[in-house]
Amino acid sequence: MFATPYPNHQSTVLRRIRGSLVPLLLLCILSYGCASTPSASTATPTNTNATPTPTKQAAGVVLYQSDWSRGLKDWHASAGWKIKGNTLQTDLGENRSLQIPYTPTTSNYSVEYRVQIVSVPKDGGYFMLNADPATGRDGYQAHILNLLTPTQHGYATHPLSEIVIEPFEHEMDDASPQVLDYVPGNQWHTYRVDIRGERALFYIDGHGVSRASSAKTNSLSQGPIRLVCGKAILNIGPIRVLSL
């Protein structure tokens, strides 16, 4: 006959069996839980550094407009200017200048300004819109020159209108004449300078009167842009900068 194990030995064996089953059960439970958990989908990262496609500025948008009611503190104005209601008026001094407090950010832009000649006591009055040369960009000057007194003059004596590249030796040759006789009288007129790359075009009351192109640079100066006048009393109306 087999000997019956002692009671204390039997309980020790049972405790060992239970101790070995507990880790096995825990392992099975954990394995089942991992197997039944759905796998997370991999999200596609969003490109936060995408560069937006630039949009072209619509033509004719007003980028800047003068407001004489606010004074001239931002205009770097020389002596000789005064505000009269909604207009600006200059005296008879020479080289009266007014710098537009705005610089276009595009190579294609337009400057429009309204001018009325009030008085020319002596021959030789003038006004012009200028942009000085800048690094890699030629400048330009749109002139109204040789304003005359109301008295009688010779048949061939007239004020002149033209636009030129600055410096002049950088100007591209043009077969057609770009200096025209022009008699503004005492009416209000709208003058406009269009800058398109290396080309400058001058308009009076919507009619093209002169053009010039740079032979040296692909685009023209964006400023500072100044209105310069002398030897005539002028009324200056709104000055606007527009997109092209």
Foldseek 3Di string as FASTA:
>chain_A
DDDDDDPVVVVVVVVVVVVVVVVVVVVVVVVVVVVPDDDDDDDDDDDPPDDDDDDDDDFPAFPDKDACVVPQPQFPWDPAWDDDVQKIKGDAAFWGKTWDNDFDPDLWKKKKWKKFFDFQPAWWWKKWKWFPFDVQAWIKIWIFTGQHHPDDDDPPDATKTEMAIPVRVQWDDDPDDQIDGDHPHGDMKMWMWIWDFQKIWIDINRHTRGIIGGNRHRGHGRHSMMMTIHSTMMIIHMMTMIGD
